Amino acid sequence: MIRLWPNEKFYRYPLYILTRLGAWFLLLLPRSWALALANGIGYLGYELVSRQRTKILENLKLAYGDTKSDSERNAIGRRVMGHMLRTAVDFLRFAKLSRDQAASFVEVGNAYAVCKDILQEGKGLIIMTAHMGNWELLAGAFCLEGFTGAVVGRRIYYEPYNRWIVGLRSSVQVQTIYQDEAVRQIYKRLKAGEIVGVLPDQDRDSVRGIFVDFFGVPAYTTVAPVKFAMHAQAPILPAFMVRMPGNRYKLVLGNLMRPKIENGDRAASVRKYTEVWMKDF
């Protein structure tokens, strides 16, 4: 029996089924084939979906200014679309991803050793990343390696999609903390000496923030990660799963921060450390 959700738009369930069928097909293909197909669709989508193309080019103009020509920004934009779909393919493949498989295409260097040393302090660890590279694989790689932790995320507007995404994370031992229950769960996991992953790089009016510099432009930025770190006395480590040639990734660590209230001025300290992590991003 098909279950209907409140206020459900009629097209959502058929679209969900088609998406699941597409994901099933991609799982049948070798990873290299699936990624090549996704990349090709991304290039095609860049040409056909004018709204998304315009958004990408506006952001690239903001980031690069006049240091890149229109043709150079267009070339980057095409790769952006292909990258996003390849990122989605690797996320969908969590259902069959093992530790050894992840290790075969993810270069980690000494990142795991660094994080193990930090966790020995017993304060937990806040890993901050951005919507760049493959943020889902970042969490998955850590948990497949044996680290315990969770990521903070939003509930997807349509429950079947939400269960699917949360289930994919769970298949590689990544737990999900919903934003509406984040405060208590984050402190609980940090106190237990676990890793909490956050993606604070979106402008959202529903969270408290301040304006800090981002590519030379004031950007509204959440202060929650720094406040969590101060309260729990937990360190913050920016980390990124960066795409490399040959369908590989590299785990890149930023600068470790230990936010604290300085000179008795909480607001100034929150601003200082928020600016620090944004510069790392």
C-alpha atoms as a PDB file:
ATOM      1  CA  MET A   1       0.000   0.000   0.000  1.00  0.00           C
ATOM      2  CA  ILE A   2       1.295   3.456  -0.899  1.00  0.00           C
ATOM      3  CA  ARG A   3       1.460   5.730   2.123  1.00  0.00           C
ATOM      4  CA  LEU A   4       0.537   9.364   1.601  1.00  0.00           C
ATOM      5  CA  TRP A   5       2.240  12.092   3.623  1.00  0.00           C
ATOM      6  CA  PRO A   6       0.482  15.282   4.761  1.00  0.00           C
ATOM      7  CA  ASN A   7       0.550  18.091   2.180  1.00  0.00           C
ATOM      8  CA  GLU A   8       2.318  15.782  -0.247  1.00  0.00           C
ATOM      9  CA  LYS A   9       2.560  17.036  -3.813  1.00  0.00           C
ATOM     10  CA  PHE A  10       1.350  14.397  -6.222  1.00  0.00           C
ATOM     11  CA  TYR A  11       4.570  14.204  -8.230  1.00  0.00           C
ATOM     12  CA  ARG A  12       6.912  13.566  -5.289  1.00  0.00           C
ATOM     13  CA  TYR A  13       6.317   9.865  -4.869  1.00  0.00           C
ATOM     14  CA  PRO A  14       6.728   8.984  -8.607  1.00  0.00           C
ATOM     15  CA  LEU A  15       9.863  11.161  -8.699  1.00  0.00           C
ATOM     16  CA  TYR A  16      11.189   9.403  -5.613  1.00  0.00           C
ATOM     17  CA  ILE A  17      10.625   5.990  -7.237  1.00  0.00           C
ATOM     18  CA  LEU A  18      12.398   7.112 -10.427  1.00  0.00           C
ATOM     19  CA  THR A  19      15.313   8.405  -8.361  1.00  0.00           C
ATOM     20  CA  ARG A  20      15.613   5.115  -6.489  1.00  0.00           C
ATOM     21  CA  LEU A  21      15.544   3.206  -9.779  1.00  0.00           C
ATOM     22  CA  GLY A  22      18.263   5.459 -11.176  1.00  0.00           C
ATOM     23  CA  ALA A  23      20.384   4.882  -8.072  1.00  0.00           C
ATOM     24  CA  TRP A  24      19.852   1.120  -8.371  1.00  0.00           C
ATOM     25  CA  PHE A  25      21.051   1.245 -11.993  1.00  0.00           C
ATOM     26  CA  LEU A  26      24.171   3.188 -11.017  1.00  0.00           C
ATOM     27  CA  LEU A  27      24.979   0.603  -8.356  1.00  0.00           C
ATOM     28  CA  LEU A  28      25.005  -2.083 -11.043  1.00  0.00           C
ATOM     29  CA  LEU A  29      27.750  -0.265 -12.941  1.00  0.00           C
ATOM     30  CA  PRO A  30      31.442  -0.259 -12.049  1.00  0.00           C
ATOM     31  CA  ARG A  31      32.321   2.910 -10.137  1.00  0.00           C
ATOM     32  CA  SER A  32      34.350   4.342 -13.022  1.00  0.00           C
ATOM     33  CA  TRP A  33      31.451   3.886 -15.464  1.00  0.00           C
ATOM     34  CA  ALA A  34      28.913   5.394 -13.083  1.00  0.00           C
ATOM     35  CA  LEU A  35      31.138   8.429 -12.473  1.00  0.00           C
ATOM     36  CA  ALA A  36      31.759   8.918 -16.206  1.00  0.00           C
ATOM     37  CA  LEU A  37      28.018   8.799 -16.871  1.00  0.00           C
ATOM     38  CA  ALA A  38      27.335  11.304 -14.083  1.00  0.00           C
ATOM     39  CA  ASN A  39      30.018  13.616 -15.402  1.00  0.00           C
ATOM     40  CA  GLY A  40      28.533  13.551 -18.897  1.00  0.00           C
ATOM     41  CA  ILE A  41      25.044  14.296 -17.578  1.00  0.00           C
ATOM     42  CA  GLY A  42      26.507  17.156 -15.566  1.00  0.00           C
ATOM     43  CA  TYR A  43      28.057  18.734 -18.645  1.00  0.00           C
ATOM     44  CA  LEU A  44      24.748  18.377 -20.482  1.00  0.00           C
ATOM     45  CA  GLY A  45      22.817  19.793 -17.541  1.00  0.00           C
ATOM     46  CA  TYR A  46      25.064  22.849 -17.462  1.00  0.00           C
ATOM     47  CA  GLU A  47      24.104  23.638 -21.039  1.00  0.00           C
ATOM     48  CA  LEU A  48      20.390  22.922 -20.635  1.00  0.00           C
ATOM     49  CA  VAL A  49      19.515  24.212 -17.138  1.00  0.00           C
ATOM     50  CA  SER A  50      19.981  27.953 -17.513  1.00  0.00           C
ATOM     51  CA  ARG A  51      18.896  28.812 -13.965  1.00  0.00           C
ATOM     52  CA  GLN A  52      21.576  26.628 -12.384  1.00  0.00           C
ATOM     53  CA  ARG A  53      24.178  27.801 -14.894  1.00  0.00           C
ATOM     54  CA  THR A  54      23.445  31.444 -14.048  1.00  0.00           C
ATOM     55  CA  LYS A  55      23.769  30.746 -10.319  1.00  0.00           C
ATOM     56  CA  ILE A  56      27.104  28.965 -10.776  1.00  0.00           C
ATOM     57  CA  LEU A  57      28.531  31.756 -12.929  1.00  0.00           C
ATOM     58  CA  GLU A  58      27.406  34.429 -10.449  1.00  0.00           C
ATOM     59  CA  ASN A  59      29.205  32.617  -7.629  1.00  0.00           C
ATOM     60  CA  LEU A  60      32.344  32.138  -9.713  1.00  0.00           C
ATOM     61  CA  LYS A  61      32.321  35.842 -10.580  1.00  0.00           C
ATOM     62  CA  LEU A  62      32.033  36.649  -6.880  1.00  0.00           C
ATOM     63  CA  ALA A  63      34.930  34.329  -6.011  1.00  0.00           C
ATOM     64  CA  TYR A  64      37.304  35.150  -8.842  1.00  0.00           C
ATOM     65  CA  GLY A  65      36.339  38.702  -9.748  1.00  0.00           C
ATOM     66  CA  ASP A  66      38.151  39.812 -12.895  1.00  0.00           C
ATOM     67  CA  THR A  67      41.000  37.310 -12.494  1.00  0.00           C
ATOM     68  CA  LYS A  68      39.121  34.850 -14.722  1.00  0.00           C
ATOM     69  CA  SER A  69      37.636  35.529 -18.147  1.00  0.00           C
ATOM     70  CA  ASP A  70      34.063  34.620 -19.095  1.00  0.00           C
ATOM     71  CA  SER A  71      35.311  31.585 -21.018  1.00  0.00           C
ATOM     72  CA  GLU A  72      37.423  30.428 -18.057  1.00  0.00           C
ATOM     73  CA  ARG A  73      34.477  30.738 -15.671  1.00  0.00           C
ATOM     74  CA  ASN A  74      32.311  28.828 -18.121  1.00  0.00           C
ATOM     75  CA  ALA A  75      34.865  26.025 -18.291  1.00  0.00           C
ATOM     76  CA  ILE A  76      34.941  25.816 -14.493  1.00  0.00           C
ATOM     77  CA  GLY A  77      31.140  25.940 -14.361  1.00  0.00           C
ATOM     78  CA  ARG A  78      30.817  22.886 -16.597  1.00  0.00           C
ATOM     79  CA  ARG A  79      33.115  20.958 -14.297  1.00  0.00           C
ATOM     80  CA  VAL A  80      31.096  22.083 -11.258  1.00  0.00           C
ATOM     81  CA  MET A  81      27.957  20.367 -12.539  1.00  0.00           C
ATOM     82  CA  GLY A  82      29.842  17.188 -13.362  1.00  0.00           C
ATOM     83  CA  HIS A  83      31.543  17.244  -9.983  1.00  0.00           C
ATOM     84  CA  MET A  84      28.265  17.565  -8.097  1.00  0.00           C
ATOM     85  CA  LEU A  85      26.737  14.560  -9.850  1.00  0.00           C
ATOM     86  CA  ARG A  86      29.873  12.464  -9.344  1.00  0.00           C
ATOM     87  CA  THR A  87      29.744  13.428  -5.667  1.00  0.00           C
ATOM     88  CA  ALA A  88      26.153  12.196  -5.536  1.00  0.00           C
ATOM     89  CA  VAL A  89      27.138   8.900  -7.190  1.00  0.00           C
ATOM     90  CA  ASP A  90      29.822   8.220  -4.588  1.00  0.00           C
ATOM     91  CA  PHE A  91      27.303   8.987  -1.850  1.00  0.00           C
ATOM     92  CA  LEU A  92      24.756   6.596  -3.358  1.00  0.00           C
ATOM     93  CA  ARG A  93      27.419   3.892  -3.398  1.00  0.00           C
ATOM     94  CA  PHE A  94      27.675   4.032   0.405  1.00  0.00           C
ATOM     95  CA  ALA A  95      25.245   1.107   0.341  1.00  0.00           C
ATOM     96  CA  LYS A  96      28.103  -1.149  -0.821  1.00  0.00           C
ATOM     97  CA  LEU A  97      31.176   0.775   0.348  1.00  0.00           C
ATOM     98  CA  SER A  98      33.712  -0.993   2.568  1.00  0.00           C
ATOM     99  CA  ARG A  99      36.721   0.324   4.465  1.00  0.00           C
ATOM    100  CA  ASP A 100      39.133  -1.229   1.964  1.00  0.00           C
ATOM    101  CA  GLN A 101      37.245   0.184  -1.001  1.00  0.00           C
ATOM    102  CA  ALA A 102      37.273   3.672   0.483  1.00  0.00           C
ATOM    103  CA  ALA A 103      40.993   3.374   1.180  1.00  0.00           C
ATOM    104  CA  SER A 104      41.599   2.492  -2.479  1.00  0.00           C
ATOM    105  CA  PHE A 105      40.552   5.936  -3.722  1.00  0.00           C
ATOM    106  CA  VAL A 106      40.939   8.228  -0.682  1.00  0.00           C
ATOM    107  CA  GLU A 107      44.355   9.616   0.256  1.00  0.00           C
ATOM    108  CA  VAL A 108      44.410  10.450   3.957  1.00  0.00           C
ATOM    109  CA  GLY A 109      48.076  10.943   4.811  1.00  0.00           C
ATOM    110  CA  ASN A 110      48.413  11.339   8.591  1.00  0.00           C
ATOM    111  CA  ALA A 111      44.904  12.775   9.078  1.00  0.00           C
ATOM    112  CA  TYR A 112      43.576   9.807  11.056  1.00  0.00           C
ATOM    113  CA  ALA A 113      46.602   9.806  13.343  1.00  0.00           C
ATOM    114  CA  VAL A 114      46.198  13.541  13.985  1.00  0.00           C
ATOM    115  CA  CYS A 115      42.539  13.083  14.917  1.00  0.00           C
ATOM    116  CA  LYS A 116      43.274  10.105  17.188  1.00  0.00           C
ATOM    117  CA  ASP A 117      45.796  12.207  19.093  1.00  0.00           C
ATOM    118  CA  ILE A 118      43.242  15.002  19.511  1.00  0.00           C
ATOM    119  CA  LEU A 119      40.566  12.601  20.733  1.00  0.00           C
ATOM    120  CA  GLN A 120      42.960  11.290  23.389  1.00  0.00           C
ATOM    121  CA  GLU A 121      42.321  14.556  25.219  1.00  0.00           C
ATOM    122  CA  GLY A 122      38.800  13.323  25.996  1.00  0.00           C
ATOM    123  CA  LYS A 123      36.975  16.470  24.868  1.00  0.00           C
ATOM    124  CA  GLY A 124      35.657  15.124  21.595  1.00  0.00           C
ATOM    125  CA  LEU A 125      36.272  16.890  18.292  1.00  0.00           C
ATOM    126  CA  ILE A 126      34.215  19.179  16.083  1.00  0.00           C
ATOM    127  CA  ILE A 127      35.134  18.641  12.447  1.00  0.00           C
ATOM    128  CA  MET A 128      33.953  21.489  10.259  1.00  0.00           C
ATOM    129  CA  THR A 129      33.692  21.151   6.516  1.00  0.00           C
ATOM    130  CA  ALA A 130      32.019  22.905   3.619  1.00  0.00           C
ATOM    131  CA  HIS A 131      29.781  21.982   0.722  1.00  0.00           C
ATOM    132  CA  MET A 132      32.818  21.387  -1.451  1.00  0.00           C
ATOM    133  CA  GLY A 133      34.567  18.219  -2.492  1.00  0.00           C
ATOM    134  CA  ASN A 134      32.634  15.289  -1.014  1.00  0.00           C
ATOM    135  CA  TRP A 135      31.464  16.149   2.483  1.00  0.00           C
ATOM    136  CA  GLU A 136      29.449  12.938   2.898  1.00  0.00           C
ATOM    137  CA  LEU A 137      32.479  10.818   2.012  1.00  0.00           C
ATOM    138  CA  LEU A 138      34.513  12.779   4.557  1.00  0.00           C
ATOM    139  CA  ALA A 139      32.251  11.536   7.337  1.00  0.00           C
ATOM    140  CA  GLY A 140      31.965   8.058   5.847  1.00  0.00           C
ATOM    141  CA  ALA A 141      35.713   7.570   5.552  1.00  0.00           C
ATOM    142  CA  PHE A 142      36.255   8.478   9.210  1.00  0.00           C
ATOM    143  CA  CYS A 143      33.545   6.143  10.470  1.00  0.00           C
ATOM    144  CA  LEU A 144      34.656   3.257   8.244  1.00  0.00           C
ATOM    145  CA  GLU A 145      38.093   3.707   9.787  1.00  0.00           C
ATOM    146  CA  GLY A 146      36.572   3.094  13.215  1.00  0.00           C
ATOM    147  CA  PHE A 147      35.957   6.611  14.509  1.00  0.00           C
ATOM    148  CA  THR A 148      32.627   7.135  16.276  1.00  0.00           C
ATOM    149  CA  GLY A 149      30.579  10.180  15.484  1.00  0.00           C
ATOM    150  CA  ALA A 150      27.646  11.917  13.890  1.00  0.00           C
ATOM    151  CA  VAL A 151      26.931  14.715  11.455  1.00  0.00           C
ATOM    152  CA  VAL A 152      24.513  17.584  11.978  1.00  0.00           C
ATOM    153  CA  GLY A 153      22.029  17.866   9.129  1.00  0.00           C
ATOM    154  CA  ARG A 154      18.606  19.110   8.164  1.00  0.00           C
ATOM    155  CA  ARG A 155      15.585  16.906   7.808  1.00  0.00           C
ATOM    156  CA  ILE A 156      14.756  16.516   4.136  1.00  0.00           C
ATOM    157  CA  TYR A 157      11.351  18.003   3.288  1.00  0.00           C
ATOM    158  CA  TYR A 158      10.046  14.658   1.970  1.00  0.00           C
ATOM    159  CA  GLU A 159      10.235  11.806   4.476  1.00  0.00           C
ATOM    160  CA  PRO A 160      11.072   8.943   2.046  1.00  0.00           C
ATOM    161  CA  TYR A 161      14.093  10.930   0.812  1.00  0.00           C
ATOM    162  CA  ASN A 162      15.051  11.716   4.394  1.00  0.00           C
ATOM    163  CA  ARG A 163      14.977   8.046   5.426  1.00  0.00           C
ATOM    164  CA  TRP A 164      16.981   7.092   2.335  1.00  0.00           C
ATOM    165  CA  ILE A 165      19.737   9.645   2.975  1.00  0.00           C
ATOM    166  CA  VAL A 166      19.956   8.854   6.682  1.00  0.00           C
ATOM    167  CA  GLY A 167      20.047   5.154   5.805  1.00  0.00           C
ATOM    168  CA  LEU A 168      22.930   5.655   3.382  1.00  0.00           C
ATOM    169  CA  ARG A 169      24.905   7.395   6.106  1.00  0.00           C
ATOM    170  CA  SER A 170      24.069   4.633   8.566  1.00  0.00           C
ATOM    171  CA  SER A 171      25.388   2.015   6.142  1.00  0.00           C
ATOM    172  CA  VAL A 172      28.893   3.432   6.720  1.00  0.00           C
ATOM    173  CA  GLN A 173      28.280   3.931  10.475  1.00  0.00           C
ATOM    174  CA  VAL A 174      27.609   7.683  10.240  1.00  0.00           C
ATOM    175  CA  GLN A 175      24.823   8.806  12.566  1.00  0.00           C
ATOM    176  CA  THR A 176      22.667  11.868  11.894  1.00  0.00           C
ATOM    177  CA  ILE A 177      21.823  14.623  14.366  1.00  0.00           C
ATOM    178  CA  TYR A 178      18.930  16.745  13.167  1.00  0.00           C
ATOM    179  CA  GLN A 179      19.346  20.481  13.558  1.00  0.00           C
ATOM    180  CA  ASP A 180      16.211  20.770  15.667  1.00  0.00           C
ATOM    181  CA  GLU A 181      17.751  18.443  18.271  1.00  0.00           C
ATOM    182  CA  ALA A 182      21.371  19.432  17.803  1.00  0.00           C
ATOM    183  CA  VAL A 183      22.218  21.252  21.022  1.00  0.00           C
ATOM    184  CA  ARG A 184      21.712  18.384  23.461  1.00  0.00           C
ATOM    185  CA  GLN A 185      23.031  15.692  21.104  1.00  0.00           C
ATOM    186  CA  ILE A 186      26.196  17.588  20.212  1.00  0.00           C
ATOM    187  CA  TYR A 187      27.163  18.116  23.836  1.00  0.00           C
ATOM    188  CA  LYS A 188      26.350  14.488  24.651  1.00  0.00           C
ATOM    189  CA  ARG A 189      28.586  13.149  21.870  1.00  0.00           C
ATOM    190  CA  LEU A 190      31.454  15.533  22.591  1.00  0.00           C
ATOM    191  CA  LYS A 191      31.331  14.574  26.260  1.00  0.00           C
ATOM    192  CA  ALA A 192      31.565  10.930  25.155  1.00  0.00           C
ATOM    193  CA  GLY A 193      34.745  11.772  23.237  1.00  0.00           C
ATOM    194  CA  GLU A 194      33.212  11.416  19.781  1.00  0.00           C
ATOM    195  CA  ILE A 195      33.480  13.402  16.559  1.00  0.00           C
ATOM    196  CA  VAL A 196      30.690  15.752  15.515  1.00  0.00           C
ATOM    197  CA  GLY A 197      30.675  16.921  11.911  1.00  0.00           C
ATOM    198  CA  VAL A 198      29.126  20.256  10.911  1.00  0.00           C
ATOM    199  CA  LEU A 199      28.680  22.136   7.630  1.00  0.00           C
ATOM    200  CA  PRO A 200      28.331  25.788   8.606  1.00  0.00           C
ATOM    201  CA  ASP A 201      28.900  27.388   5.192  1.00  0.00           C
ATOM    202  CA  GLN A 202      25.305  28.278   4.292  1.00  0.00           C
ATOM    203  CA  ASP A 203      23.536  31.603   4.829  1.00  0.00           C
ATOM    204  CA  ARG A 204      20.466  30.696   6.877  1.00  0.00           C
ATOM    205  CA  ASP A 205      18.266  33.249   8.612  1.00  0.00           C
ATOM    206  CA  SER A 206      17.086  30.624  11.115  1.00  0.00           C
ATOM    207  CA  VAL A 207      20.466  30.474  12.876  1.00  0.00           C
ATOM    208  CA  ARG A 208      22.302  33.161  14.812  1.00  0.00           C
ATOM    209  CA  GLY A 209      25.280  34.566  13.023  1.00  0.00           C
ATOM    210  CA  ILE A 210      27.507  37.505  12.247  1.00  0.00           C
ATOM    211  CA  PHE A 211      28.921  38.998   9.063  1.00  0.00           C
ATOM    212  CA  VAL A 212      32.528  38.011   8.349  1.00  0.00           C
ATOM    213  CA  ASP A 213      34.687  38.297   5.263  1.00  0.00           C
ATOM    214  CA  PHE A 214      34.293  35.616   2.587  1.00  0.00           C
ATOM    215  CA  PHE A 215      36.068  36.172  -0.747  1.00  0.00           C
ATOM    216  CA  GLY A 216      36.183  39.878   0.060  1.00  0.00           C
ATOM    217  CA  VAL A 217      32.436  40.126   0.697  1.00  0.00           C
ATOM    218  CA  PRO A 218      30.629  40.227   4.080  1.00  0.00           C
ATOM    219  CA  ALA A 219      28.844  36.870   4.481  1.00  0.00           C
ATOM    220  CA  TYR A 220      26.301  35.986   7.167  1.00  0.00           C
ATOM    221  CA  THR A 221      27.955  33.162   9.073  1.00  0.00           C
ATOM    222  CA  THR A 222      26.719  30.988  11.919  1.00  0.00           C
ATOM    223  CA  VAL A 223      28.471  31.302  15.276  1.00  0.00           C
ATOM    224  CA  ALA A 224      27.067  28.033  16.655  1.00  0.00           C
ATOM    225  CA  PRO A 225      30.196  25.860  16.123  1.00  0.00           C
ATOM    226  CA  VAL A 226      32.422  28.249  18.063  1.00  0.00           C
ATOM    227  CA  LYS A 227      29.863  28.546  20.877  1.00  0.00           C
ATOM    228  CA  PHE A 228      29.565  24.760  21.066  1.00  0.00           C
ATOM    229  CA  ALA A 229      33.340  24.441  21.222  1.00  0.00           C
ATOM    230  CA  MET A 230      33.650  27.047  23.955  1.00  0.00           C
ATOM    231  CA  HIS A 231      30.962  25.488  26.096  1.00  0.00           C
ATOM    232  CA  ALA A 232      32.259  21.912  25.686  1.00  0.00           C
ATOM    233  CA  GLN A 233      35.953  22.935  25.659  1.00  0.00           C
ATOM    234  CA  ALA A 234      36.220  20.897  22.466  1.00  0.00           C
ATOM    235  CA  PRO A 235      38.701  21.657  19.683  1.00  0.00           C
ATOM    236  CA  ILE A 236      37.599  22.515  16.131  1.00  0.00           C
ATOM    237  CA  LEU A 237      39.338  21.074  13.085  1.00  0.00           C
ATOM    238  CA  PRO A 238      38.436  22.175   9.544  1.00  0.00           C
ATOM    239  CA  ALA A 239      38.704  19.264   7.105  1.00  0.00           C
ATOM    240  CA  PHE A 240      37.868  18.784   3.445  1.00  0.00           C
ATOM    241  CA  MET A 241      37.533  15.775   1.144  1.00  0.00           C
ATOM    242  CA  VAL A 242      38.930  17.301  -2.046  1.00  0.00           C
ATOM    243  CA  ARG A 243      38.431  15.781  -5.485  1.00  0.00           C
ATOM    244  CA  MET A 244      41.633  14.723  -7.258  1.00  0.00           C
ATOM    245  CA  PRO A 245      42.295  13.457 -10.803  1.00  0.00           C
ATOM    246  CA  GLY A 246      41.492   9.837 -11.590  1.00  0.00           C
ATOM    247  CA  ASN A 247      38.302   9.654  -9.498  1.00  0.00           C
ATOM    248  CA  ARG A 248      40.302   9.934  -6.306  1.00  0.00           C
ATOM    249  CA  TYR A 249      40.009  12.146  -3.228  1.00  0.00           C
ATOM    250  CA  LYS A 250      42.431  13.707  -0.771  1.00  0.00           C
ATOM    251  CA  LEU A 251      41.595  14.419   2.864  1.00  0.00           C
ATOM    252  CA  VAL A 252      42.957  17.860   3.701  1.00  0.00           C
ATOM    253  CA  LEU A 253      43.097  19.197   7.263  1.00  0.00           C
ATOM    254  CA  GLY A 254      42.989  22.856   8.201  1.00  0.00           C
ATOM    255  CA  ASN A 255      44.342  24.530  11.318  1.00  0.00           C
ATOM    256  CA  LEU A 256      43.281  23.151  14.696  1.00  0.00           C
ATOM    257  CA  MET A 257      41.467  25.706  16.851  1.00  0.00           C
ATOM    258  CA  ARG A 258      40.732  25.716  20.558  1.00  0.00           C
ATOM    259  CA  PRO A 259      38.111  28.452  20.987  1.00  0.00           C
ATOM    260  CA  LYS A 260      37.980  30.119  24.395  1.00  0.00           C
ATOM    261  CA  ILE A 261      36.711  33.356  25.875  1.00  0.00           C
ATOM    262  CA  GLU A 262      39.585  35.818  25.853  1.00  0.00           C
ATOM    263  CA  ASN A 263      39.901  38.911  28.044  1.00  0.00           C
ATOM    264  CA  GLY A 264      36.428  38.278  29.399  1.00  0.00           C
ATOM    265  CA  ASP A 265      34.829  39.336  26.103  1.00  0.00           C
ATOM    266  CA  ARG A 266      32.656  36.500  24.831  1.00  0.00           C
ATOM    267  CA  ALA A 267      31.268  38.313  21.784  1.00  0.00           C
ATOM    268  CA  ALA A 268      34.702  39.411  20.555  1.00  0.00           C
ATOM    269  CA  SER A 269      36.096  35.912  21.089  1.00  0.00           C
ATOM    270  CA  VAL A 270      33.231  34.321  19.156  1.00  0.00           C
ATOM    271  CA  ARG A 271      33.867  36.728  16.289  1.00  0.00           C
ATOM    272  CA  LYS A 272      37.606  36.094  16.343  1.00  0.00           C
ATOM    273  CA  TYR A 273      37.338  32.313  16.054  1.00  0.00           C
ATOM    274  CA  THR A 274      34.518  32.492  13.521  1.00  0.00           C
ATOM    275  CA  GLU A 275      36.735  34.652  11.322  1.00  0.00           C
ATOM    276  CA  VAL A 276      39.600  32.199  11.811  1.00  0.00           C
ATOM    277  CA  TRP A 277      37.691  29.146  10.565  1.00  0.00           C
ATOM    278  CA  MET A 278      36.166  31.106   7.690  1.00  0.00           C
ATOM    279  CA  LYS A 279      39.673  32.056   6.537  1.00  0.00           C
ATOM    280  CA  ASP A 280      40.572  28.369   6.603  1.00  0.00           C
ATOM    281  CA  PHE A 281      37.547  27.639   4.424  1.00  0.00           C
END
